[in-house]
PDB file of N, CA and C in Angstrom:
ATOM      1  N   MET A   1     135.426  40.769  65.015  1.00  0.00           N
ATOM      2  CA  MET A   1     134.618  39.809  64.295  1.00  0.00           C
ATOM      3  C   MET A   1     133.433  40.537  63.667  1.00  0.00           C
ATOM      4  N   ALA A   2     133.167  40.220  62.394  1.00  0.00           N
ATOM      5  CA  ALA A   2     132.096  40.866  61.639  1.00  0.00           C
ATOM      6  C   ALA A   2     130.730  40.401  62.153  1.00  0.00           C
ATOM      7  N   ASN A   3     129.759  41.311  62.089  1.00  0.00           N
ATOM      8  CA  ASN A   3     128.403  40.966  62.507  1.00  0.00           C
ATOM      9  C   ASN A   3     127.823  39.948  61.526  1.00  0.00           C
ATOM     10  N   LYS A   4     127.031  39.009  62.064  1.00  0.00           N
ATOM     11  CA  LYS A   4     126.358  38.031  61.247  1.00  0.00           C
ATOM     12  C   LYS A   4     125.202  38.711  60.527  1.00  0.00           C
ATOM     13  N   ILE A   5     125.007  38.411  59.289  1.00  0.00           N
ATOM     14  CA  ILE A   5     123.929  39.017  58.494  1.00  0.00           C
ATOM     15  C   ILE A   5     122.645  38.213  58.728  1.00  0.00           C
ATOM     16  N   LYS A   6     121.596  38.877  59.128  1.00  0.00           N
ATOM     17  CA  LYS A   6     120.311  38.193  59.349  1.00  0.00           C
ATOM     18  C   LYS A   6     119.579  38.069  58.013  1.00  0.00           C
ATOM     19  N   SER A   7     119.371  36.857  57.600  1.00  0.00           N
ATOM     20  CA  SER A   7     118.679  36.579  56.339  1.00  0.00           C
ATOM     21  C   SER A   7     117.193  36.950  56.460  1.00  0.00           C
ATOM     22  N   LEU A   8     116.744  37.796  55.586  1.00  0.00           N
ATOM     23  CA  LEU A   8     115.344  38.213  55.575  1.00  0.00           C
ATOM     24  C   LEU A   8     114.534  37.336  54.635  1.00  0.00           C
ATOM     25  N   PRO A   9     113.266  37.088  54.944  1.00  0.00           N
ATOM     26  CA  PRO A   9     112.450  36.268  54.036  1.00  0.00           C
ATOM     27  C   PRO A   9     112.112  37.031  52.757  1.00  0.00           C
ATOM     28  N   THR A  10     111.849  36.267  51.701  1.00  0.00           N
ATOM     29  CA  THR A  10     111.402  36.860  50.454  1.00  0.00           C
ATOM     30  C   THR A  10     110.014  37.427  50.676  1.00  0.00           C
ATOM     31  N   PRO A  11     109.758  38.679  50.234  1.00  0.00           N
ATOM     32  CA  PRO A  11     108.436  39.245  50.440  1.00  0.00           C
ATOM     33  C   PRO A  11     107.350  38.418  49.776  1.00  0.00           C
ATOM     34  N   LYS A  12     106.186  38.370  50.409  1.00  0.00           N
ATOM     35  CA  LYS A  12     105.074  37.576  49.915  1.00  0.00           C
ATOM     36  C   LYS A  12     104.048  38.416  49.167  1.00  0.00           C
ATOM     37  N   ASP A  13     104.243  39.748  49.197  1.00  0.00           N
ATOM     38  CA  ASP A  13     103.256  40.629  48.559  1.00  0.00           C
ATOM     39  C   ASP A  13     103.079  40.334  47.103  1.00  0.00           C
ATOM     40  N   LYS A  14     101.867  40.402  46.664  1.00  0.00           N
ATOM     41  CA  LYS A  14     101.521  40.266  45.262  1.00  0.00           C
ATOM     42  C   LYS A  14     100.903  41.589  44.806  1.00  0.00           C
ATOM     43  N   GLY A  15     100.808  41.797  43.533  1.00  0.00           N
ATOM     44  CA  GLY A  15     100.186  43.001  43.038  1.00  0.00           C
ATOM     45  C   GLY A  15     101.208  43.937  42.424  1.00  0.00           C
ATOM     46  N   PRO A  16     100.850  45.198  42.264  1.00  0.00           N
ATOM     47  CA  PRO A  16     101.689  46.144  41.598  1.00  0.00           C
ATOM     48  C   PRO A  16     103.012  46.324  42.313  1.00  0.00           C
ATOM     49  N   LEU A  17     104.048  46.469  41.541  1.00  0.00           N
ATOM     50  CA  LEU A  17     105.369  46.688  42.104  1.00  0.00           C
ATOM     51  C   LEU A  17     105.492  48.142  42.544  1.00  0.00           C
ATOM     52  N   THR A  18     105.957  48.320  43.764  1.00  0.00           N
ATOM     53  CA  THR A  18     106.236  49.675  44.304  1.00  0.00           C
ATOM     54  C   THR A  18     107.714  49.744  44.659  1.00  0.00           C
ATOM     55  N   ALA A  19     108.190  50.973  44.867  1.00  0.00           N
ATOM     56  CA  ALA A  19     109.578  51.146  45.255  1.00  0.00           C
ATOM     57  C   ALA A  19     109.853  50.443  46.571  1.00  0.00           C
ATOM     58  N   LYS A  20     108.904  50.492  47.487  1.00  0.00           N
ATOM     59  CA  LYS A  20     109.070  49.825  48.773  1.00  0.00           C
ATOM     60  C   LYS A  20     109.177  48.322  48.632  1.00  0.00           C
ATOM     61  N   LEU A  21     108.318  47.724  47.816  1.00  0.00           N
ATOM     62  CA  LEU A  21     108.339  46.275  47.614  1.00  0.00           C
ATOM     63  C   LEU A  21     109.628  45.865  46.886  1.00  0.00           C
ATOM     64  N   LEU A  22     110.058  46.606  45.905  1.00  0.00           N
ATOM     65  CA  LEU A  22     111.261  46.262  45.175  1.00  0.00           C
ATOM     66  C   LEU A  22     112.452  46.339  46.142  1.00  0.00           C
ATOM     67  N   GLY A  23     112.478  47.337  46.996  1.00  0.00           N
ATOM     68  CA  GLY A  23     113.539  47.488  48.006  1.00  0.00           C
ATOM     69  C   GLY A  23     113.572  46.287  48.942  1.00  0.00           C
ATOM     70  N   GLN A  24     112.386  45.786  49.322  1.00  0.00           N
ATOM     71  CA  GLN A  24     112.333  44.615  50.183  1.00  0.00           C
ATOM     72  C   GLN A  24     112.906  43.385  49.479  1.00  0.00           C
ATOM     73  N   TYR A  25     112.609  43.255  48.198  1.00  0.00           N
ATOM     74  CA  TYR A  25     113.159  42.134  47.406  1.00  0.00           C
ATOM     75  C   TYR A  25     114.675  42.206  47.323  1.00  0.00           C
ATOM     76  N   VAL A  26     115.177  43.412  47.062  1.00  0.00           N
ATOM     77  CA  VAL A  26     116.644  43.581  46.941  1.00  0.00           C
ATOM     78  C   VAL A  26     117.321  43.269  48.255  1.00  0.00           C
ATOM     79  N   LYS A  27     116.757  43.803  49.343  1.00  0.00           N
ATOM     80  CA  LYS A  27     117.354  43.537  50.655  1.00  0.00           C
ATOM     81  C   LYS A  27     117.277  42.071  51.036  1.00  0.00           C
ATOM     82  N   ALA A  28     116.146  41.438  50.763  1.00  0.00           N
ATOM     83  CA  ALA A  28     115.990  40.000  51.059  1.00  0.00           C
ATOM     84  C   ALA A  28     117.017  39.176  50.274  1.00  0.00           C
ATOM     85  N   ARG A  29     117.185  39.485  48.995  1.00  0.00           N
ATOM     86  CA  ARG A  29     118.121  38.728  48.168  1.00  0.00           C
ATOM     87  C   ARG A  29     119.563  38.931  48.689  1.00  0.00           C
ATOM     88  N   ARG A  30     119.898  40.182  49.051  1.00  0.00           N
ATOM     89  CA  ARG A  30     121.223  40.443  49.544  1.00  0.00           C
ATOM     90  C   ARG A  30     121.510  39.687  50.857  1.00  0.00           C
ATOM     91  N   THR A  31     120.557  39.744  51.763  1.00  0.00           N
ATOM     92  CA  THR A  31     120.784  39.089  53.060  1.00  0.00           C
ATOM     93  C   THR A  31     120.736  37.567  52.943  1.00  0.00           C
ATOM     94  N   GLN A  32     119.908  37.049  52.043  1.00  0.00           N
ATOM     95  CA  GLN A  32     119.860  35.603  51.817  1.00  0.00           C
ATOM     96  C   GLN A  32     121.178  35.112  51.187  1.00  0.00           C
ATOM     97  N   SER A  33     121.878  36.017  50.510  1.00  0.00           N
ATOM     98  CA  SER A  33     123.176  35.677  49.911  1.00  0.00           C
ATOM     99  C   SER A  33     124.320  35.937  50.884  1.00  0.00           C
ATOM    100  N   ASN A  34     123.957  36.321  52.118  1.00  0.00           N
ATOM    101  CA  ASN A  34     124.918  36.584  53.187  1.00  0.00           C
ATOM    102  C   ASN A  34     125.916  37.700  52.797  1.00  0.00           C
ATOM    103  N   LEU A  35     125.414  38.721  52.127  1.00  0.00           N
ATOM    104  CA  LEU A  35     126.239  39.837  51.687  1.00  0.00           C
ATOM    105  C   LEU A  35     125.961  41.081  52.520  1.00  0.00           C
ATOM    106  N   ARG A  36     127.000  41.767  52.913  1.00  0.00           N
ATOM    107  CA  ARG A  36     126.845  43.070  53.556  1.00  0.00           C
ATOM    108  C   ARG A  36     126.508  44.102  52.524  1.00  0.00           C
ATOM    109  N   LEU A  37     125.930  45.210  52.948  1.00  0.00           N
ATOM    110  CA  LEU A  37     125.554  46.299  52.047  1.00  0.00           C
ATOM    111  C   LEU A  37     126.797  46.757  51.263  1.00  0.00           C
ATOM    112  N   GLU A  38     127.924  46.926  51.968  1.00  0.00           N
ATOM    113  CA  GLU A  38     129.148  47.397  51.341  1.00  0.00           C
ATOM    114  C   GLU A  38     129.652  46.436  50.247  1.00  0.00           C
ATOM    115  N   ASP A  39     129.599  45.123  50.559  1.00  0.00           N
ATOM    116  CA  ASP A  39     130.047  44.127  49.588  1.00  0.00           C
ATOM    117  C   ASP A  39     129.145  44.067  48.375  1.00  0.00           C
ATOM    118  N   THR A  40     127.850  44.186  48.605  1.00  0.00           N
ATOM    119  CA  THR A  40     126.896  44.141  47.488  1.00  0.00           C
ATOM    120  C   THR A  40     127.064  45.355  46.608  1.00  0.00           C
ATOM    121  N   ALA A  41     127.251  46.522  47.196  1.00  0.00           N
ATOM    122  CA  ALA A  41     127.469  47.740  46.418  1.00  0.00           C
ATOM    123  C   ALA A  41     128.720  47.599  45.552  1.00  0.00           C
ATOM    124  N   LEU A  42     129.754  47.027  46.114  1.00  0.00           N
ATOM    125  CA  LEU A  42     130.978  46.803  45.368  1.00  0.00           C
ATOM    126  C   LEU A  42     130.753  45.815  44.224  1.00  0.00           C
ATOM    127  N   LEU A  43     130.063  44.740  44.529  1.00  0.00           N
ATOM    128  CA  LEU A  43     129.751  43.720  43.522  1.00  0.00           C
ATOM    129  C   LEU A  43     128.923  44.307  42.351  1.00  0.00           C
ATOM    130  N   CYS A  44     127.992  45.185  42.715  1.00  0.00           N
ATOM    131  CA  CYS A  44     127.117  45.795  41.718  1.00  0.00           C
ATOM    132  C   CYS A  44     127.701  47.045  41.076  1.00  0.00           C
ATOM    133  N   ASN A  45     128.856  47.483  41.560  1.00  0.00           N
ATOM    134  CA  ASN A  45     129.515  48.680  41.045  1.00  0.00           C
ATOM    135  C   ASN A  45     128.619  49.919  41.189  1.00  0.00           C
ATOM    136  N   VAL A  46     128.014  50.044  42.357  1.00  0.00           N
ATOM    137  CA  VAL A  46     127.226  51.245  42.699  1.00  0.00           C
ATOM    138  C   VAL A  46     127.692  51.717  44.077  1.00  0.00           C
ATOM    139  N   ALA A  47     127.394  52.960  44.385  1.00  0.00           N
ATOM    140  CA  ALA A  47     127.736  53.495  45.688  1.00  0.00           C
ATOM    141  C   ALA A  47     126.882  52.820  46.766  1.00  0.00           C
ATOM    142  N   LYS A  48     127.457  52.707  47.959  1.00  0.00           N
ATOM    143  CA  LYS A  48     126.734  52.119  49.102  1.00  0.00           C
ATOM    144  C   LYS A  48     125.455  52.889  49.339  1.00  0.00           C
ATOM    145  N   ASP A  49     125.518  54.232  49.226  1.00  0.00           N
ATOM    146  CA  ASP A  49     124.338  55.085  49.421  1.00  0.00           C
ATOM    147  C   ASP A  49     123.255  54.787  48.384  1.00  0.00           C
ATOM    148  N   THR A  50     123.671  54.486  47.156  1.00  0.00           N
ATOM    149  CA  THR A  50     122.693  54.154  46.109  1.00  0.00           C
ATOM    150  C   THR A  50     121.965  52.873  46.449  1.00  0.00           C
ATOM    151  N   LEU A  51     122.694  51.861  46.857  1.00  0.00           N
ATOM    152  CA  LEU A  51     122.083  50.593  47.247  1.00  0.00           C
ATOM    153  C   LEU A  51     121.155  50.773  48.442  1.00  0.00           C
ATOM    154  N   SER A  52     121.567  51.575  49.410  1.00  0.00           N
ATOM    155  CA  SER A  52     120.737  51.844  50.590  1.00  0.00           C
ATOM    156  C   SER A  52     119.451  52.553  50.182  1.00  0.00           C
ATOM    157  N   LYS A  53     119.560  53.494  49.252  1.00  0.00           N
ATOM    158  CA  LYS A  53     118.357  54.209  48.757  1.00  0.00           C
ATOM    159  C   LYS A  53     117.386  53.240  48.092  1.00  0.00           C
ATOM    160  N   ILE A  54     117.910  52.300  47.315  1.00  0.00           N
ATOM    161  CA  ILE A  54     117.055  51.300  46.656  1.00  0.00           C
ATOM    162  C   ILE A  54     116.351  50.443  47.713  1.00  0.00           C
ATOM    163  N   GLU A  55     117.110  49.938  48.665  1.00  0.00           N
ATOM    164  CA  GLU A  55     116.541  49.047  49.685  1.00  0.00           C
ATOM    165  C   GLU A  55     115.508  49.760  50.569  1.00  0.00           C
ATOM    166  N   ASN A  56     115.680  51.057  50.792  1.00  0.00           N
ATOM    167  CA  ASN A  56     114.787  51.769  51.673  1.00  0.00           C
ATOM    168  C   ASN A  56     113.791  52.645  50.925  1.00  0.00           C
ATOM    169  N   ALA A  57     113.688  52.435  49.617  1.00  0.00           N
ATOM    170  CA  ALA A  57     112.714  53.118  48.755  1.00  0.00           C
ATOM    171  C   ALA A  57     112.781  54.655  48.870  1.00  0.00           C
ATOM    172  N   ARG A  58     114.019  55.140  48.947  1.00  0.00           N
ATOM    173  CA  ARG A  58     114.210  56.575  48.946  1.00  0.00           C
ATOM    174  C   ARG A  58     114.475  56.990  47.489  1.00  0.00           C
ATOM    175  N   GLY A  59     114.161  58.222  47.174  1.00  0.00           N
ATOM    176  CA  GLY A  59     114.313  58.737  45.813  1.00  0.00           C
ATOM    177  C   GLY A  59     115.743  59.044  45.454  1.00  0.00           C
ATOM    178  N   GLY A  60     115.943  59.540  44.245  1.00  0.00           N
ATOM    179  CA  GLY A  60     117.233  59.974  43.831  1.00  0.00           C
ATOM    180  C   GLY A  60     118.142  58.905  43.223  1.00  0.00           C
ATOM    181  N   VAL A  61     117.566  57.807  42.786  1.00  0.00           N
ATOM    182  CA  VAL A  61     118.362  56.728  42.181  1.00  0.00           C
ATOM    183  C   VAL A  61     117.974  56.616  40.696  1.00  0.00           C
ATOM    184  N   ARG A  62     118.987  56.584  39.859  1.00  0.00           N
ATOM    185  CA  ARG A  62     118.728  56.432  38.415  1.00  0.00           C
ATOM    186  C   ARG A  62     118.135  55.058  38.141  1.00  0.00           C
ATOM    187  N   PHE A  63     117.162  55.049  37.250  1.00  0.00           N
ATOM    188  CA  PHE A  63     116.469  53.794  36.917  1.00  0.00           C
ATOM    189  C   PHE A  63     117.452  52.740  36.420  1.00  0.00           C
ATOM    190  N   GLU A  64     118.441  53.157  35.617  1.00  0.00           N
ATOM    191  CA  GLU A  64     119.407  52.178  35.114  1.00  0.00           C
ATOM    192  C   GLU A  64     120.196  51.524  36.255  1.00  0.00           C
ATOM    193  N   ASN A  65     120.418  52.263  37.331  1.00  0.00           N
ATOM    194  CA  ASN A  65     121.117  51.685  38.488  1.00  0.00           C
ATOM    195  C   ASN A  65     120.235  50.650  39.196  1.00  0.00           C
ATOM    196  N   ILE A  66     118.972  50.942  39.285  1.00  0.00           N
ATOM    197  CA  ILE A  66     118.024  49.980  39.883  1.00  0.00           C
ATOM    198  C   ILE A  66     118.009  48.683  39.054  1.00  0.00           C
ATOM    199  N   LEU A  67     117.892  48.848  37.752  1.00  0.00           N
ATOM    200  CA  LEU A  67     117.882  47.665  36.873  1.00  0.00           C
ATOM    201  C   LEU A  67     119.172  46.882  36.965  1.00  0.00           C
ATOM    202  N   HIS A  68     120.294  47.574  37.049  1.00  0.00           N
ATOM    203  CA  HIS A  68     121.597  46.924  37.127  1.00  0.00           C
ATOM    204  C   HIS A  68     121.711  46.119  38.444  1.00  0.00           C
ATOM    205  N   VAL A  69     121.326  46.731  39.562  1.00  0.00           N
ATOM    206  CA  VAL A  69     121.388  46.023  40.864  1.00  0.00           C
ATOM    207  C   VAL A  69     120.511  44.788  40.804  1.00  0.00           C
ATOM    208  N   CYS A  70     119.318  44.903  40.281  1.00  0.00           N
ATOM    209  CA  CYS A  70     118.434  43.742  40.190  1.00  0.00           C
ATOM    210  C   CYS A  70     119.066  42.648  39.335  1.00  0.00           C
ATOM    211  N   GLN A  71     119.639  43.023  38.206  1.00  0.00           N
ATOM    212  CA  GLN A  71     120.276  42.051  37.338  1.00  0.00           C
ATOM    213  C   GLN A  71     121.434  41.368  38.049  1.00  0.00           C
ATOM    214  N   MET A  72     122.261  42.123  38.716  1.00  0.00           N
ATOM    215  CA  MET A  72     123.433  41.560  39.410  1.00  0.00           C
ATOM    216  C   MET A  72     123.016  40.619  40.546  1.00  0.00           C
ATOM    217  N   LEU A  73     121.861  40.875  41.159  1.00  0.00           N
ATOM    218  CA  LEU A  73     121.415  40.013  42.270  1.00  0.00           C
ATOM    219  C   LEU A  73     120.491  38.891  41.791  1.00  0.00           C
ATOM    220  N   GLY A  74     120.268  38.816  40.477  1.00  0.00           N
ATOM    221  CA  GLY A  74     119.432  37.749  39.944  1.00  0.00           C
ATOM    222  C   GLY A  74     117.956  37.955  40.141  1.00  0.00           C
ATOM    223  N   ILE A  75     117.561  39.222  40.304  1.00  0.00           N
ATOM    224  CA  ILE A  75     116.147  39.549  40.449  1.00  0.00           C
ATOM    225  C   ILE A  75     115.613  39.896  39.069  1.00  0.00           C
ATOM    226  N   GLU A  76     114.653  39.126  38.595  1.00  0.00           N
ATOM    227  CA  GLU A  76     114.119  39.323  37.258  1.00  0.00           C
ATOM    228  C   GLU A  76     112.900  40.243  37.314  1.00  0.00           C
ATOM    229  N   LEU A  77     113.002  41.315  36.571  1.00  0.00           N
ATOM    230  CA  LEU A  77     111.866  42.239  36.446  1.00  0.00           C
ATOM    231  C   LEU A  77     111.245  41.985  35.092  1.00  0.00           C
ATOM    232  N   LYS A  78     109.929  41.980  35.039  1.00  0.00           N
ATOM    233  CA  LYS A  78     109.240  41.573  33.825  1.00  0.00           C
ATOM    234  C   LYS A  78     108.128  42.583  33.522  1.00  0.00           C
ATOM    235  N   VAL A  79     108.000  42.945  32.275  1.00  0.00           N
ATOM    236  CA  VAL A  79     106.920  43.817  31.828  1.00  0.00           C
ATOM    237  C   VAL A  79     105.860  42.943  31.142  1.00  0.00           C
ATOM    238  N   VAL A  80     104.638  43.049  31.593  1.00  0.00           N
ATOM    239  CA  VAL A  80     103.546  42.285  30.995  1.00  0.00           C
ATOM    240  C   VAL A  80     102.813  43.214  30.050  1.00  0.00           C
ATOM    241  N   PRO A  81     102.774  42.892  28.758  1.00  0.00           N
ATOM    242  CA  PRO A  81     102.065  43.758  27.786  1.00  0.00           C
ATOM    243  C   PRO A  81     100.605  43.941  28.201  1.00  0.00           C
ATOM    244  N   TRP A  82     100.085  45.119  28.004  1.00  0.00           N
ATOM    245  CA  TRP A  82      98.740  45.424  28.410  1.00  0.00           C
ATOM    246  C   TRP A  82      97.724  44.617  27.624  1.00  0.00           C
ATOM    247  N   GLU A  83      98.042  44.220  26.368  1.00  0.00           N
ATOM    248  CA  GLU A  83      97.097  43.399  25.600  1.00  0.00           C
ATOM    249  C   GLU A  83      96.836  42.076  26.333  1.00  0.00           C
ATOM    250  N   HIS A  84      97.868  41.556  26.983  1.00  0.00           N
ATOM    251  CA  HIS A  84      97.750  40.312  27.724  1.00  0.00           C
ATOM    252  C   HIS A  84      96.745  40.439  28.854  1.00  0.00           C
ATOM    253  N   LYS A  85      96.759  41.548  29.551  1.00  0.00           N
ATOM    254  CA  LYS A  85      95.838  41.788  30.654  1.00  0.00           C
ATOM    255  C   LYS A  85      94.417  41.922  30.144  1.00  0.00           C
ATOM    256  N   LEU A  86      94.239  42.593  28.994  1.00  0.00           N
ATOM    257  CA  LEU A  86      92.918  42.771  28.438  1.00  0.00           C
ATOM    258  C   LEU A  86      92.324  41.416  28.021  1.00  0.00           C
ATOM    259  N   GLU A  87      93.136  40.538  27.469  1.00  0.00           N
ATOM    260  CA  GLU A  87      92.689  39.215  27.051  1.00  0.00           C
ATOM    261  C   GLU A  87      92.210  38.375  28.219  1.00  0.00           C
ATOM    262  N   LYS A  88      92.875  38.496  29.360  1.00  0.00           N
ATOM    263  CA  LYS A  88      92.482  37.703  30.527  1.00  0.00           C
ATOM    264  C   LYS A  88      91.149  38.071  31.074  1.00  0.00           C
ATOM    265  N   LYS A  89      90.724  39.348  30.940  1.00  0.00           N
ATOM    266  CA  LYS A  89      89.460  39.823  31.502  1.00  0.00           C
ATOM    267  C   LYS A  89      88.261  39.311  30.697  1.00  0.00           C
ATOM    268  N   SER A  90      88.479  38.974  29.430  1.00  0.00           N
ATOM    269  CA  SER A  90      87.384  38.526  28.588  1.00  0.00           C
ATOM    270  C   SER A  90      86.895  37.146  28.939  1.00  0.00           C
TER     271      SER A  90
END
């Protein structure tokens, strides 16, 4: 019998995105979808080791693979133009 996947909560951290925080989001989304690492890697068409590196914030992963995994899991990454930030401070 397969092990039950423990659903992790969505991270509550706010502020700048770090590799560690993004990894927590990816892992939370995967576990909340009741997907094993192996199944998610297959779904995203990446190696299991690649997905593990993303979730654990280890180096050596191509940026396009990170973006692809996020897209496949429905994690939206957004770039805020710097002009927008300057306008808010005024």
